């Protein structure tokens, strides 16, 4: 038996494959999250020692017009996976998001803070959390935010592309959160899955976000500086950059309970440097 990972091409899934090459990774061709029972059947068939769900519907804006489809992928599929894991008596690690909160205030959200998503994506992810808990098995829900890496589509890669093309960029400065390296999330998932095998009483919901908290604009400035790009960043309010889905202004997360697994918030600056080096965009 081995570790089973849902996801192959996503940021965290690719980092999991790097760190756990012995794991069995299932892409959409092997396990389509739009077929929840098919995902559950895959778990029963492989009979792994633990399951990590690193696959999700991440098109936040598109979820506003396709909420039913997003809810199947982000809600029903994780619930079905969790039920299969509970039947087999194995740990299930599920990645969730800060979007389950309303994003108000300036205080970091603790894992036990009341949820109140402000958009379809957040609602779909909350359904998934509820389904995982209702399954009654050993699990960890790991909420994270502002994920970046050298892979896939993310803010860091967008800034590097635009920064190489333009002399100035306008970036939102009134949304605050902790940029989180996908590599660190993957490492945390592996640590947590291993710990749950030995200590099922650690079942629960945890927060994992990079440090320190910054605005998108300040994150962009750090990216430009690290890449040696001469692109000025102008601060703008969220109201100047409207999107179909509302973004939470406060994405700060209280990650204190990570100590349960001997983990702490990862520093994002070194990971920015590593991603830029991997992408080969330095002057």
Protein backbone atom coordinates (compact mmCIF):
# COMPACT_ATOMS: atom_id res chain seq x y z
CA UNK A 1 0.00 0.00 0.00
CA UNK A 2 1.08 3.56 -0.64
CA UNK A 3 -0.05 7.17 -0.44
CA UNK A 4 -2.80 8.21 -2.88
CA UNK A 5 -2.93 11.80 -4.17
CA UNK A 6 -5.82 13.34 -6.07
CA UNK A 7 -4.34 15.82 -8.53
CA UNK A 8 -1.46 15.74 -10.99
CA UNK A 9 -1.03 19.11 -12.68
CA UNK A 10 -1.97 21.56 -9.94
CA UNK A 11 0.62 23.51 -7.98
CA UNK A 12 0.47 21.46 -4.79
CA UNK A 13 0.00 18.16 -6.63
CA UNK A 14 3.18 18.73 -8.62
CA UNK A 15 5.10 19.53 -5.45
CA UNK A 16 3.72 16.40 -3.79
CA UNK A 17 4.98 14.33 -6.72
CA UNK A 18 8.43 15.84 -6.20
CA UNK A 19 8.51 15.07 -2.51
CA UNK A 20 6.79 11.71 -2.57
CA UNK A 21 7.64 10.04 -5.88
CA UNK A 22 6.46 6.75 -4.47
CA UNK A 23 2.91 8.10 -4.12
CA UNK A 24 0.21 7.27 -6.68
CA UNK A 25 -1.10 10.49 -8.23
CA UNK A 26 -4.46 10.48 -9.98
CA UNK A 27 -5.18 13.06 -12.66
CA UNK A 28 -8.55 13.80 -14.22
CA UNK A 29 -8.23 10.84 -16.59
CA UNK A 30 -7.93 8.45 -13.63
CA UNK A 31 -10.28 10.23 -11.20
CA UNK A 32 -12.56 13.03 -12.33
CA UNK A 33 -13.84 15.08 -9.38
CA UNK A 34 -17.06 15.73 -11.28
CA UNK A 35 -17.74 12.03 -10.56
CA UNK A 36 -17.54 11.85 -6.74
CA UNK A 37 -18.42 8.17 -6.47
CA UNK A 38 -15.77 7.38 -9.05
CA UNK A 39 -13.23 9.08 -6.80
CA UNK A 40 -14.42 7.04 -3.84
CA UNK A 41 -14.15 3.86 -5.92
CA UNK A 42 -10.55 4.76 -6.81
CA UNK A 43 -9.69 4.92 -3.12
CA UNK A 44 -11.30 1.55 -2.43
CA UNK A 45 -9.48 0.05 -5.41
CA UNK A 46 -6.02 1.32 -4.48
CA UNK A 47 -6.44 0.77 -0.72
CA UNK A 48 -3.72 3.31 0.19
CA UNK A 49 -2.27 4.08 3.63
CA UNK A 50 -3.56 7.66 3.38
CA UNK A 51 -5.17 10.05 0.87
CA UNK A 52 -4.34 13.68 0.10
CA UNK A 53 -6.81 15.68 -1.97
CA UNK A 54 -4.80 18.30 -3.87
CA UNK A 55 -7.36 18.69 -6.67
CA UNK A 56 -10.08 21.31 -6.78
CA UNK A 57 -12.11 23.76 -8.84
CA UNK A 58 -9.97 26.89 -8.50
CA UNK A 59 -11.60 29.16 -11.13
CA UNK A 60 -12.96 31.60 -8.56
CA UNK A 61 -14.69 33.95 -11.00
CA UNK A 62 -16.17 31.19 -13.17
CA UNK A 63 -17.69 29.60 -10.08
CA UNK A 64 -20.05 32.56 -9.85
CA UNK A 65 -21.87 31.38 -12.99
CA UNK A 66 -21.17 27.64 -12.59
CA UNK A 67 -21.72 27.17 -8.88
CA UNK A 68 -23.45 23.80 -9.22
CA UNK A 69 -20.49 22.32 -11.09
CA UNK A 70 -18.00 23.89 -8.67
CA UNK A 71 -19.92 22.46 -5.73
CA UNK A 72 -19.73 18.93 -7.13
CA UNK A 73 -15.95 19.20 -7.52
CA UNK A 74 -15.22 21.10 -4.30
CA UNK A 75 -18.07 19.80 -2.17
CA UNK A 76 -19.41 16.39 -3.17
CA UNK A 77 -16.10 14.88 -4.32
CA UNK A 78 -14.13 15.51 -1.10
CA UNK A 79 -17.10 14.26 0.92
CA UNK A 80 -17.16 11.02 -1.08
CA UNK A 81 -13.39 10.63 -0.71
CA UNK A 82 -13.66 11.15 3.05
CA UNK A 83 -16.39 8.54 3.37
CA UNK A 84 -14.26 6.00 1.50
CA UNK A 85 -11.29 6.77 3.74
CA UNK A 86 -13.47 6.43 6.84
CA UNK A 87 -14.65 3.01 5.63
CA UNK A 88 -11.04 1.89 5.17
CA UNK A 89 -9.85 3.47 8.42
CA UNK A 90 -7.18 5.60 6.75
CA UNK A 91 -6.33 9.33 7.13
CA UNK A 92 -7.65 11.89 4.68
CA UNK A 93 -5.91 15.27 4.19
CA UNK A 94 -7.99 17.87 2.34
CA UNK A 95 -6.81 21.30 1.21
CA UNK A 96 -9.28 24.13 1.71
CA UNK A 97 -9.18 27.92 1.61
CA UNK A 98 -9.51 31.22 3.45
CA UNK A 99 -12.49 31.96 1.15
CA UNK A 100 -14.74 30.11 3.62
CA UNK A 101 -14.57 33.30 5.74
CA UNK A 102 -16.12 36.69 5.00
CA UNK A 103 -12.78 38.50 4.97
CA UNK A 104 -13.86 41.29 7.31
CA UNK A 105 -11.75 43.00 9.96
CA UNK A 106 -8.00 42.83 10.40
CA UNK A 107 -7.64 39.98 12.91
CA UNK A 108 -6.21 36.70 11.56
CA UNK A 109 -8.92 34.07 11.22
CA UNK A 110 -8.53 31.12 13.60
CA UNK A 111 -9.63 27.61 12.54
CA UNK A 112 -12.68 27.77 14.81
CA UNK A 113 -13.86 31.19 13.58
CA UNK A 114 -17.42 31.09 12.17
CA UNK A 115 -17.47 30.59 8.41
CA UNK A 116 -19.38 32.96 6.13
CA UNK A 117 -18.24 32.75 2.49
CA UNK A 118 -19.00 35.75 0.29
CA UNK A 119 -18.94 33.96 -3.06
CA UNK A 120 -19.69 30.73 -4.90
CA UNK A 121 -16.15 29.39 -4.70
CA UNK A 122 -16.06 29.81 -0.92
CA UNK A 123 -19.47 28.21 -0.57
CA UNK A 124 -18.36 25.21 -2.64
CA UNK A 125 -15.23 24.75 -0.53
CA UNK A 126 -17.23 25.04 2.68
CA UNK A 127 -19.53 22.25 1.43
CA UNK A 128 -16.44 20.12 1.02
CA UNK A 129 -15.27 20.82 4.55
CA UNK A 130 -18.68 19.96 5.95
CA UNK A 131 -18.77 16.71 4.01
CA UNK A 132 -15.30 15.69 5.18
CA UNK A 133 -16.24 16.24 8.81
CA UNK A 134 -19.58 14.46 8.42
CA UNK A 135 -17.82 11.35 7.09
CA UNK A 136 -16.55 10.76 10.63
CA UNK A 137 -13.10 9.47 9.71
CA UNK A 138 -9.58 10.54 10.62
CA UNK A 139 -8.90 13.72 8.69
CA UNK A 140 -7.19 17.08 8.51
CA UNK A 141 -8.67 20.04 6.67
CA UNK A 142 -5.79 22.35 5.80
CA UNK A 143 -6.94 25.84 4.89
CA UNK A 144 -4.44 27.91 2.96
CA UNK A 145 -4.27 31.06 0.82
CA UNK A 146 -2.40 32.91 -1.93
CA UNK A 147 -0.65 29.81 -3.29
CA UNK A 148 2.31 30.31 -5.62
CA UNK A 149 5.02 28.27 -7.31
CA UNK A 150 6.90 27.98 -10.59
CA UNK A 151 4.03 25.89 -11.96
CA UNK A 152 0.50 26.56 -13.15
CA UNK A 153 -1.27 29.91 -13.07
CA UNK A 154 -0.61 32.13 -10.07
CA UNK A 155 0.08 35.71 -9.02
CA UNK A 156 3.87 35.37 -9.00
CA UNK A 157 3.99 34.14 -12.59
CA UNK A 158 1.55 36.82 -13.74
CA UNK A 159 3.65 39.54 -12.12
CA UNK A 160 6.84 38.21 -13.71
CA UNK A 161 5.23 38.21 -17.15
CA UNK A 162 3.70 41.65 -16.86
CA UNK A 163 6.75 43.08 -15.10
CA UNK A 164 8.90 42.12 -18.08
CA UNK A 165 6.48 43.84 -20.46
CA UNK A 166 5.56 47.06 -18.67
CA UNK A 167 7.18 49.91 -16.77
CA UNK A 168 4.28 50.28 -14.28
CA UNK A 169 1.53 48.10 -12.92
CA UNK A 170 -1.48 48.88 -10.74
CA UNK A 171 -2.00 46.28 -8.02
CA UNK A 172 -4.61 46.00 -5.27
CA UNK A 173 -3.26 47.17 -1.91
CA UNK A 174 -6.27 46.74 0.41
CA UNK A 175 -6.35 42.94 0.40
CA UNK A 176 -3.97 41.43 2.96
CA UNK A 177 -2.82 37.83 3.31
CA UNK A 178 0.08 35.43 3.55
CA UNK A 179 1.57 34.24 0.23
CA UNK A 180 2.04 30.50 0.58
CA UNK A 181 4.59 28.37 -1.31
CA UNK A 182 3.00 25.29 -2.88
CA UNK A 183 6.15 23.39 -1.91
CA UNK A 184 5.54 24.17 1.76
CA UNK A 185 1.89 23.11 1.53
CA UNK A 186 2.95 19.80 -0.01
CA UNK A 187 5.52 19.17 2.71
CA UNK A 188 2.93 20.02 5.38
CA UNK A 189 0.37 17.63 3.86
CA UNK A 190 2.89 14.78 3.94
CA UNK A 191 3.83 15.54 7.54
CA UNK A 192 0.18 15.69 8.58
CA UNK A 193 -0.80 12.49 6.75
CA UNK A 194 2.03 10.62 8.46
CA UNK A 195 1.13 12.05 11.87
CA UNK A 196 -2.54 11.12 11.53
CA UNK A 197 -1.63 7.50 10.88
CA UNK A 198 0.06 7.39 14.27
CA UNK A 199 -2.12 9.88 16.15
CA UNK A 200 -5.71 9.94 14.83
CA UNK A 201 -6.73 12.17 17.72
CA UNK A 202 -5.09 15.05 15.82
CA UNK A 203 -8.07 15.05 13.46
CA UNK A 204 -9.31 18.59 12.85
CA UNK A 205 -9.10 21.82 10.89
CA UNK A 206 -5.83 23.73 10.59
CA UNK A 207 -4.55 26.89 8.93
CA UNK A 208 -1.36 27.07 6.89
CA UNK A 209 -0.23 30.35 5.29
CA UNK A 210 3.09 31.98 4.52
CA UNK A 211 4.63 34.79 6.56
CA UNK A 212 4.68 37.71 6.82
CA UNK A 213 1.25 38.97 5.79
CA UNK A 214 1.39 41.56 3.02
CA UNK A 215 -0.83 43.26 0.47
CA UNK A 216 -0.93 42.08 -3.13
CA UNK A 217 0.86 45.29 -4.06
CA UNK A 218 3.69 44.68 -1.58
CA UNK A 219 3.94 41.08 -2.73
CA UNK A 220 4.26 42.33 -6.30
CA UNK A 221 7.03 44.74 -5.30
CA UNK A 222 8.94 41.91 -3.63
CA UNK A 223 8.61 39.78 -6.77
CA UNK A 224 9.91 42.60 -9.01
CA UNK A 225 12.82 43.26 -6.70
CA UNK A 226 13.82 39.61 -6.50
CA UNK A 227 13.60 39.19 -10.28
CA UNK A 228 15.51 42.42 -10.96
CA UNK A 229 12.60 43.85 -12.96
CA UNK A 230 12.38 47.63 -13.24
CA UNK A 231 8.60 47.77 -12.96
CA UNK A 232 6.96 50.25 -10.57
CA UNK A 233 3.90 49.14 -8.60
CA UNK A 234 1.08 51.62 -8.01
CA UNK A 235 -1.30 50.88 -5.12
CA UNK A 236 -4.99 50.79 -5.99
CA UNK A 237 -8.14 49.85 -4.01
CA UNK A 238 -10.16 46.73 -4.78
CA UNK A 239 -12.92 48.97 -6.11
CA UNK A 240 -10.62 50.00 -8.97
CA UNK A 241 -10.21 46.36 -10.06
CA UNK A 242 -13.70 44.80 -10.14
CA UNK A 243 -14.03 41.04 -10.66
CA UNK A 244 -17.09 38.76 -11.00
CA UNK A 245 -16.34 37.22 -7.60
CA UNK A 246 -15.69 39.33 -4.52
CA UNK A 247 -12.29 38.79 -2.92
CA UNK A 248 -11.88 38.78 0.88
CA UNK A 249 -10.04 41.93 1.98
CA UNK A 250 -8.68 40.12 5.04
CA UNK A 251 -7.02 36.79 4.26
CA UNK A 252 -4.85 36.75 7.37
CA UNK A 253 -4.86 33.32 9.01
CA UNK A 254 -4.03 32.32 12.56
CA UNK A 255 -1.78 29.28 12.14
CA UNK A 256 -0.89 28.68 15.80
CA UNK A 257 -2.34 25.17 15.93
CA UNK A 258 0.19 23.99 13.33
CA UNK A 259 2.40 23.28 16.35
CA UNK A 260 0.26 20.14 16.79
CA UNK A 261 2.32 18.69 13.93
CA UNK A 262 5.58 20.48 14.73
CA UNK A 263 4.92 22.92 11.87
CA UNK A 264 5.03 26.71 11.63
CA UNK A 265 4.28 29.33 9.01
CA UNK A 266 6.77 29.19 6.13
CA UNK A 267 8.62 32.34 5.06
CA UNK A 268 7.53 33.15 1.51
CA UNK A 269 10.51 35.27 0.43
CA UNK A 270 12.95 32.34 -0.02
CA UNK A 271 10.32 30.45 -2.02
CA UNK A 272 9.86 33.47 -4.31
CA UNK A 273 13.60 33.42 -5.00
CA UNK A 274 13.52 29.67 -5.64
CA UNK A 275 10.58 29.94 -8.05
CA UNK A 276 12.22 32.78 -9.97
CA UNK A 277 15.43 30.77 -10.28
CA UNK A 278 13.48 27.72 -11.45
CA UNK A 279 11.68 29.80 -14.06
CA UNK A 280 14.98 31.25 -15.27
CA UNK A 281 13.77 34.85 -15.40
CA UNK A 282 16.65 36.50 -13.58
CA UNK A 283 18.62 39.13 -15.59
